[in-house]
Amino acid sequence: MNYDAAWSLQTALYTALTSDTSLQSLIGLPARVYDAVPSDTVFPFVQIGAGQVFPYGGIEGGFQHIIRITAFSRWGGRQECKAIAEAVRSLLQNAAFSLEGHTLVQSRLVFEDHLRHREPETFQGAMRYRMITIPINTSEAA
């Protein structure tokens, strides 16, 4: 299985999330978006978390990606997490940005939950996105 599409997608997600001014206004500038969260990070922040990759049937080199994106807050309730999740959703729902060697042809929110984290003062907004990528040569032929 070719995981270049997965890394290309994660890189593009990071770029999109860190360069969005609406999200920056909520999580800081430079935007606090992480893969591996530093132990001394400042709240609030966003983590690009676990991902699954499956072949996308019928398209050679096409993949379905299930990606978890989580907002973390210590604001004192769910409001800040919900606002961050809304900014992420506005950016990623139906997004069609270019990736290195691939094209994102579908991006849909499939799940979102706002809950208290295991640390009592921390709240999280857990989101799961389904994204479909296809190789650039396939998208140009379509």
C-alpha atoms as a PDB file:
ATOM      1  CA  MET A   1       0.000   0.000   0.000  1.00  0.00           C
ATOM      2  CA  ASN A   2       1.321   3.450  -0.907  1.00  0.00           C
ATOM      3  CA  TYR A   3       1.230   5.684   2.165  1.00  0.00           C
ATOM      4  CA  ASP A   4       2.618   8.698   0.309  1.00  0.00           C
ATOM      5  CA  ALA A   5      -0.983   9.866  -0.092  1.00  0.00           C
ATOM      6  CA  ALA A   6      -1.472   9.746   3.693  1.00  0.00           C
ATOM      7  CA  TRP A   7       1.614  11.835   4.420  1.00  0.00           C
ATOM      8  CA  SER A   8       0.782  14.257   1.620  1.00  0.00           C
ATOM      9  CA  LEU A   9      -2.707  14.678   3.109  1.00  0.00           C
ATOM     10  CA  GLN A  10      -1.391  15.207   6.644  1.00  0.00           C
ATOM     11  CA  THR A  11       1.083  17.806   5.389  1.00  0.00           C
ATOM     12  CA  ALA A  12      -1.667  19.634   3.490  1.00  0.00           C
ATOM     13  CA  LEU A  13      -3.977  19.484   6.520  1.00  0.00           C
ATOM     14  CA  TYR A  14      -1.280  20.969   8.716  1.00  0.00           C
ATOM     15  CA  THR A  15      -0.662  23.775   6.221  1.00  0.00           C
ATOM     16  CA  ALA A  16      -4.384  24.506   5.857  1.00  0.00           C
ATOM     17  CA  LEU A  17      -5.017  24.514   9.607  1.00  0.00           C
ATOM     18  CA  THR A  18      -1.988  26.619  10.538  1.00  0.00           C
ATOM     19  CA  SER A  19      -2.577  29.233   7.839  1.00  0.00           C
ATOM     20  CA  ASP A  20      -6.301  29.820   8.460  1.00  0.00           C
ATOM     21  CA  THR A  21      -6.839  33.207  10.120  1.00  0.00           C
ATOM     22  CA  SER A  22     -10.165  32.196  11.735  1.00  0.00           C
ATOM     23  CA  LEU A  23      -8.503  29.259  13.433  1.00  0.00           C
ATOM     24  CA  GLN A  24      -5.450  31.354  14.339  1.00  0.00           C
ATOM     25  CA  SER A  25      -7.721  33.798  16.175  1.00  0.00           C
ATOM     26  CA  LEU A  26      -8.862  30.914  18.393  1.00  0.00           C
ATOM     27  CA  ILE A  27      -5.647  28.928  18.970  1.00  0.00           C
ATOM     28  CA  GLY A  28      -2.935  31.537  18.567  1.00  0.00           C
ATOM     29  CA  LEU A  29      -0.353  32.699  16.066  1.00  0.00           C
ATOM     30  CA  PRO A  30       1.599  30.766  15.138  1.00  0.00           C
ATOM     31  CA  ALA A  31      -1.316  28.355  15.221  1.00  0.00           C
ATOM     32  CA  ARG A  32      -0.851  25.587  17.770  1.00  0.00           C
ATOM     33  CA  VAL A  33      -1.486  22.555  15.561  1.00  0.00           C
ATOM     34  CA  TYR A  34       0.412  19.383  16.422  1.00  0.00           C
ATOM     35  CA  ASP A  35       0.937  15.781  15.458  1.00  0.00           C
ATOM     36  CA  ALA A  36       2.865  14.942  18.645  1.00  0.00           C
ATOM     37  CA  VAL A  37       1.805  17.417  21.311  1.00  0.00           C
ATOM     38  CA  PRO A  38       4.695  18.898  23.348  1.00  0.00           C
ATOM     39  CA  SER A  39       4.350  18.311  27.098  1.00  0.00           C
ATOM     40  CA  ASP A  40       4.574  22.062  27.805  1.00  0.00           C
ATOM     41  CA  THR A  41       2.127  23.241  25.148  1.00  0.00           C
ATOM     42  CA  VAL A  42      -0.161  26.200  25.737  1.00  0.00           C
ATOM     43  CA  PHE A  43      -3.932  25.696  25.539  1.00  0.00           C
ATOM     44  CA  PRO A  44      -6.005  25.804  23.382  1.00  0.00           C
ATOM     45  CA  PHE A  45      -4.549  23.716  20.560  1.00  0.00           C
ATOM     46  CA  VAL A  46      -5.454  21.269  17.804  1.00  0.00           C
ATOM     47  CA  GLN A  47      -4.002  17.826  17.261  1.00  0.00           C
ATOM     48  CA  ILE A  48      -3.998  15.941  13.975  1.00  0.00           C
ATOM     49  CA  GLY A  49      -4.390  12.498  15.471  1.00  0.00           C
ATOM     50  CA  ALA A  50      -4.869   8.898  14.475  1.00  0.00           C
ATOM     51  CA  GLY A  51      -5.603   8.061  10.894  1.00  0.00           C
ATOM     52  CA  GLN A  52      -6.681   5.017   8.941  1.00  0.00           C
ATOM     53  CA  VAL A  53      -6.050   4.472   5.239  1.00  0.00           C
ATOM     54  CA  PHE A  54      -8.036   2.142   2.978  1.00  0.00           C
ATOM     55  CA  PRO A  55      -7.815   1.602  -0.784  1.00  0.00           C
ATOM     56  CA  TYR A  56     -10.620   3.475  -2.542  1.00  0.00           C
ATOM     57  CA  GLY A  57     -12.277   0.906  -4.789  1.00  0.00           C
ATOM     58  CA  GLY A  58     -12.286   1.454  -8.523  1.00  0.00           C
ATOM     59  CA  ILE A  59      -9.538   4.069  -8.704  1.00  0.00           C
ATOM     60  CA  GLU A  60      -5.941   2.885  -8.926  1.00  0.00           C
ATOM     61  CA  GLY A  61      -3.960   4.732  -6.256  1.00  0.00           C
ATOM     62  CA  GLY A  62      -7.117   6.173  -4.677  1.00  0.00           C
ATOM     63  CA  PHE A  63      -7.391   6.074  -0.884  1.00  0.00           C
ATOM     64  CA  GLN A  64     -10.025   6.707   1.746  1.00  0.00           C
ATOM     65  CA  HIS A  65      -8.544   8.368   4.845  1.00  0.00           C
ATOM     66  CA  ILE A  66     -10.290   8.477   8.199  1.00  0.00           C
ATOM     67  CA  ILE A  67      -8.562  11.191  10.221  1.00  0.00           C
ATOM     68  CA  ARG A  68      -9.136  12.275  13.786  1.00  0.00           C
ATOM     69  CA  ILE A  69      -8.664  15.942  14.597  1.00  0.00           C
ATOM     70  CA  THR A  70      -9.088  17.048  18.193  1.00  0.00           C
ATOM     71  CA  ALA A  71      -9.376  20.484  19.772  1.00  0.00           C
ATOM     72  CA  PHE A  72      -8.188  20.795  23.389  1.00  0.00           C
ATOM     73  CA  SER A  73      -9.219  23.610  25.726  1.00  0.00           C
ATOM     74  CA  ARG A  74      -8.980  24.598  29.372  1.00  0.00           C
ATOM     75  CA  TRP A  75     -11.401  27.485  29.005  1.00  0.00           C
ATOM     76  CA  GLY A  76     -13.787  26.114  31.634  1.00  0.00           C
ATOM     77  CA  GLY A  77     -16.428  24.503  29.493  1.00  0.00           C
ATOM     78  CA  ARG A  78     -17.171  23.246  26.006  1.00  0.00           C
ATOM     79  CA  GLN A  79     -17.670  26.632  24.329  1.00  0.00           C
ATOM     80  CA  GLU A  80     -14.062  27.119  23.202  1.00  0.00           C
ATOM     81  CA  CYS A  81     -13.802  23.547  21.860  1.00  0.00           C
ATOM     82  CA  LYS A  82     -17.043  24.017  19.939  1.00  0.00           C
ATOM     83  CA  ALA A  83     -15.787  27.277  18.432  1.00  0.00           C
ATOM     84  CA  ILE A  84     -12.499  25.654  17.377  1.00  0.00           C
ATOM     85  CA  ALA A  85     -14.366  22.647  15.940  1.00  0.00           C
ATOM     86  CA  GLU A  86     -16.613  25.010  13.972  1.00  0.00           C
ATOM     87  CA  ALA A  87     -13.570  26.787  12.507  1.00  0.00           C
ATOM     88  CA  VAL A  88     -12.010  23.436  11.548  1.00  0.00           C
ATOM     89  CA  ARG A  89     -15.314  22.283  10.034  1.00  0.00           C
ATOM     90  CA  SER A  90     -15.640  25.488   8.015  1.00  0.00           C
ATOM     91  CA  LEU A  91     -12.169  24.895   6.622  1.00  0.00           C
ATOM     92  CA  LEU A  92     -12.344  21.143   5.950  1.00  0.00           C
ATOM     93  CA  GLN A  93     -15.965  20.359   5.047  1.00  0.00           C
ATOM     94  CA  ASN A  94     -16.019  19.899   1.256  1.00  0.00           C
ATOM     95  CA  ALA A  95     -12.408  21.104   1.012  1.00  0.00           C
ATOM     96  CA  ALA A  96     -10.660  20.394  -2.291  1.00  0.00           C
ATOM     97  CA  PHE A  97      -7.062  21.436  -1.804  1.00  0.00           C
ATOM     98  CA  SER A  98      -4.134  20.064  -3.744  1.00  0.00           C
ATOM     99  CA  LEU A  99      -1.695  17.643  -2.218  1.00  0.00           C
ATOM    100  CA  GLU A 100       1.747  16.611  -3.366  1.00  0.00           C
ATOM    101  CA  GLY A 101       1.064  13.998  -6.052  1.00  0.00           C
ATOM    102  CA  HIS A 102      -2.630  13.665  -5.163  1.00  0.00           C
ATOM    103  CA  THR A 103      -5.894  15.562  -5.155  1.00  0.00           C
ATOM    104  CA  LEU A 104      -8.383  15.681  -2.304  1.00  0.00           C
ATOM    105  CA  VAL A 105     -11.707  14.955  -4.007  1.00  0.00           C
ATOM    106  CA  GLN A 106     -13.897  14.589  -0.926  1.00  0.00           C
ATOM    107  CA  SER A 107     -13.715  15.827   2.653  1.00  0.00           C
ATOM    108  CA  ARG A 108     -16.617  15.182   5.002  1.00  0.00           C
ATOM    109  CA  LEU A 109     -17.136  15.370   8.728  1.00  0.00           C
ATOM    110  CA  VAL A 110     -18.477  12.007   9.908  1.00  0.00           C
ATOM    111  CA  PHE A 111     -18.378  12.489  13.671  1.00  0.00           C
ATOM    112  CA  GLU A 112     -17.947  15.237  16.239  1.00  0.00           C
ATOM    113  CA  ASP A 113     -18.153  15.028  20.007  1.00  0.00           C
ATOM    114  CA  HIS A 114     -17.466  17.572  22.773  1.00  0.00           C
ATOM    115  CA  LEU A 115     -16.475  16.070  26.085  1.00  0.00           C
ATOM    116  CA  ARG A 116     -14.507  16.466  29.253  1.00  0.00           C
ATOM    117  CA  HIS A 117     -11.003  15.010  28.903  1.00  0.00           C
ATOM    118  CA  ARG A 118      -9.603  12.624  31.534  1.00  0.00           C
ATOM    119  CA  GLU A 119      -7.843  15.646  33.051  1.00  0.00           C
ATOM    120  CA  PRO A 120     -10.731  17.382  34.887  1.00  0.00           C
ATOM    121  CA  GLU A 121      -9.981  20.929  33.707  1.00  0.00           C
ATOM    122  CA  THR A 122      -9.499  19.950  30.052  1.00  0.00           C
ATOM    123  CA  PHE A 123     -12.207  19.701  27.412  1.00  0.00           C
ATOM    124  CA  GLN A 124     -11.875  18.243  23.948  1.00  0.00           C
ATOM    125  CA  GLY A 125     -13.722  18.481  20.680  1.00  0.00           C
ATOM    126  CA  ALA A 126     -13.107  15.197  18.854  1.00  0.00           C
ATOM    127  CA  MET A 127     -13.753  15.219  15.120  1.00  0.00           C
ATOM    128  CA  ARG A 128     -13.420  12.476  12.563  1.00  0.00           C
ATOM    129  CA  TYR A 129     -13.162  13.263   8.853  1.00  0.00           C
ATOM    130  CA  ARG A 130     -13.476  10.971   5.840  1.00  0.00           C
ATOM    131  CA  MET A 131     -11.267  12.172   3.009  1.00  0.00           C
ATOM    132  CA  ILE A 132     -10.752  10.649  -0.427  1.00  0.00           C
ATOM    133  CA  THR A 133      -7.521  11.205  -2.360  1.00  0.00           C
ATOM    134  CA  ILE A 134      -6.672  10.190  -5.898  1.00  0.00           C
ATOM    135  CA  PRO A 135      -3.389  10.488  -7.780  1.00  0.00           C
ATOM    136  CA  ILE A 136      -3.041  13.688  -9.802  1.00  0.00           C
ATOM    137  CA  ASN A 137      -2.803  11.819 -13.105  1.00  0.00           C
ATOM    138  CA  THR A 138      -6.216  10.210 -12.374  1.00  0.00           C
ATOM    139  CA  SER A 139      -7.868  13.558 -11.574  1.00  0.00           C
ATOM    140  CA  GLU A 140      -6.528  15.148 -14.757  1.00  0.00           C
ATOM    141  CA  ALA A 141      -7.906  12.306 -16.862  1.00  0.00           C
ATOM    142  CA  ALA A 142     -11.405  12.687 -15.389  1.00  0.00           C
END
